Amino acid sequence: MNKEILSAMNMNGFKNLSAAELHAKLEQGGARLLDVRTDAEIAQGKIPQGEPLPLHLIPLRLGEMDKKTATVFYCRSGGRSAQAAAFAAANGFTDVYNLQGGIIAWANAGMPVSM
């Protein structure tokens, strides 16, 4: 990992991304975007590239995930996804991100939301 990423990581081992930073990362490819909200929340709209993985299932599914792939978590406003990112980082994931402000910030930035 480069110095800029390391210096930008918080003490929990992950980096917060703005909606614009996430959009750029998704355009580049290679990042896995995980939506940690409930099915009912996802039904109200989601980031098109997001894969559903409810927060309570992360401990059960972590073993199925590649620890070296860039992984971005998001939720409604950024709290639950920060918990997920911290948990992943604590369990050996090396390239972990949280969408700061969640899907609310994403939508407010004019980014695409699908049903």
Protein backbone atom coordinates (compact mmCIF):
# COMPACT_ATOMS: atom_id res chain seq x y z
CA MET A 1 0.00 0.00 0.00
CA ASN A 2 1.28 3.47 -0.76
CA LYS A 3 2.11 6.08 1.88
CA GLU A 4 -0.90 8.28 1.07
CA ILE A 5 -3.33 5.44 1.73
CA LEU A 6 -1.56 4.45 4.94
CA SER A 7 -1.48 8.01 6.25
CA ALA A 8 -5.17 8.49 5.40
CA MET A 9 -6.29 5.38 7.28
CA ASN A 10 -7.82 5.97 10.64
CA MET A 11 -6.92 4.08 13.79
CA ASN A 12 -9.44 1.37 12.94
CA GLY A 13 -7.46 0.30 9.87
CA PHE A 14 -9.77 1.60 7.16
CA LYS A 15 -10.15 4.77 5.11
CA ASN A 16 -13.31 6.85 4.79
CA LEU A 17 -14.21 7.70 1.20
CA SER A 18 -16.38 10.53 -0.04
CA ALA A 19 -19.04 9.77 -2.64
CA ALA A 20 -16.79 11.28 -5.35
CA GLU A 21 -13.82 9.14 -4.22
CA LEU A 22 -15.98 6.01 -4.26
CA HIS A 23 -17.32 6.87 -7.71
CA ALA A 24 -13.74 7.21 -9.01
CA LYS A 25 -12.71 3.92 -7.35
CA LEU A 26 -15.67 2.08 -8.92
CA GLU A 27 -14.84 3.57 -12.33
CA GLN A 28 -11.29 2.21 -12.02
CA GLY A 29 -12.64 -1.26 -11.21
CA GLY A 30 -11.20 -3.86 -8.88
CA ALA A 31 -13.13 -2.83 -5.75
CA ARG A 32 -15.89 -4.86 -4.15
CA LEU A 33 -18.78 -2.75 -2.84
CA LEU A 34 -20.79 -4.30 -0.01
CA ASP A 35 -24.14 -2.93 1.18
CA VAL A 36 -24.56 -3.78 4.88
CA ARG A 37 -28.16 -2.51 5.17
CA THR A 38 -31.27 -4.63 5.69
CA ASP A 39 -33.28 -6.02 2.76
CA ALA A 40 -36.03 -3.48 3.49
CA GLU A 41 -33.55 -0.60 3.25
CA ILE A 42 -32.01 -1.98 0.06
CA ALA A 43 -35.50 -2.16 -1.50
CA GLN A 44 -35.69 1.65 -1.15
CA GLY A 45 -32.66 2.09 -3.42
CA LYS A 46 -29.04 1.00 -3.73
CA ILE A 47 -25.76 1.85 -5.39
CA PRO A 48 -25.89 -0.19 -8.63
CA GLN A 49 -22.56 -1.99 -8.08
CA GLY A 50 -23.36 -2.83 -4.44
CA GLU A 51 -23.71 -6.42 -3.28
CA PRO A 52 -26.06 -7.04 -0.33
CA LEU A 53 -24.36 -8.37 2.81
CA PRO A 54 -26.34 -7.41 5.93
CA LEU A 55 -24.14 -6.33 8.85
CA HIS A 56 -25.18 -9.23 11.08
CA LEU A 57 -23.98 -11.76 8.46
CA ILE A 58 -20.47 -10.35 8.00
CA PRO A 59 -18.84 -12.48 10.74
CA LEU A 60 -20.33 -15.59 9.09
CA ARG A 61 -19.31 -14.65 5.53
CA LEU A 62 -15.90 -13.05 6.08
CA GLY A 63 -14.13 -16.32 5.26
CA GLU A 64 -15.67 -16.28 1.76
CA MET A 65 -14.11 -12.93 0.94
CA ASP A 66 -10.66 -12.11 -0.48
CA LYS A 67 -8.68 -10.21 2.15
CA LYS A 68 -6.49 -8.56 -0.48
CA THR A 69 -9.28 -7.21 -2.72
CA ALA A 70 -10.19 -3.57 -2.14
CA THR A 71 -13.45 -3.76 -0.16
CA VAL A 72 -15.79 -0.83 0.37
CA PHE A 73 -18.69 -1.01 2.83
CA TYR A 74 -21.71 1.27 2.82
CA CYS A 75 -25.00 1.66 4.70
CA ARG A 76 -27.59 4.41 5.10
CA SER A 77 -25.43 7.06 6.77
CA GLY A 78 -22.00 5.50 7.37
CA GLY A 79 -22.21 4.17 10.94
CA ARG A 80 -22.87 0.49 10.35
CA SER A 81 -20.51 0.38 7.41
CA ALA A 82 -17.74 1.88 9.58
CA GLN A 83 -18.33 -0.99 12.03
CA ALA A 84 -18.11 -3.49 9.16
CA ALA A 85 -14.92 -1.88 7.82
CA ALA A 86 -13.30 -1.90 11.27
CA PHE A 87 -14.28 -5.56 11.74
CA ALA A 88 -12.83 -6.52 8.35
CA ALA A 89 -9.60 -4.61 9.03
CA ALA A 90 -9.29 -6.28 12.45
CA ASN A 91 -9.63 -9.65 10.71
CA GLY A 92 -6.80 -9.20 8.25
CA PHE A 93 -8.32 -7.25 5.37
CA THR A 94 -5.65 -4.89 4.08
CA ASP A 95 -7.52 -2.59 1.65
CA VAL A 96 -10.74 -1.55 3.43
CA TYR A 97 -12.94 1.52 2.96
CA ASN A 98 -16.13 3.04 4.35
CA LEU A 99 -18.44 5.30 2.33
CA GLN A 100 -18.61 8.35 4.58
CA GLY A 101 -22.20 9.50 4.92
CA GLY A 102 -23.52 6.29 3.34
CA ILE A 103 -26.02 6.13 0.52
CA ILE A 104 -27.50 9.44 1.73
CA ALA A 105 -24.23 11.22 0.86
CA TRP A 106 -24.00 9.24 -2.39
CA ALA A 107 -27.50 10.31 -3.49
CA ASN A 108 -26.98 13.91 -2.33
CA ALA A 109 -23.84 14.04 -4.51
CA GLY A 110 -26.01 13.18 -7.53
CA MET A 111 -24.60 9.68 -7.95
CA PRO A 112 -26.76 6.90 -9.45
CA VAL A 113 -29.19 4.98 -7.23
CA SER A 114 -31.13 2.00 -8.57
CA MET A 115 -34.13 0.11 -7.22
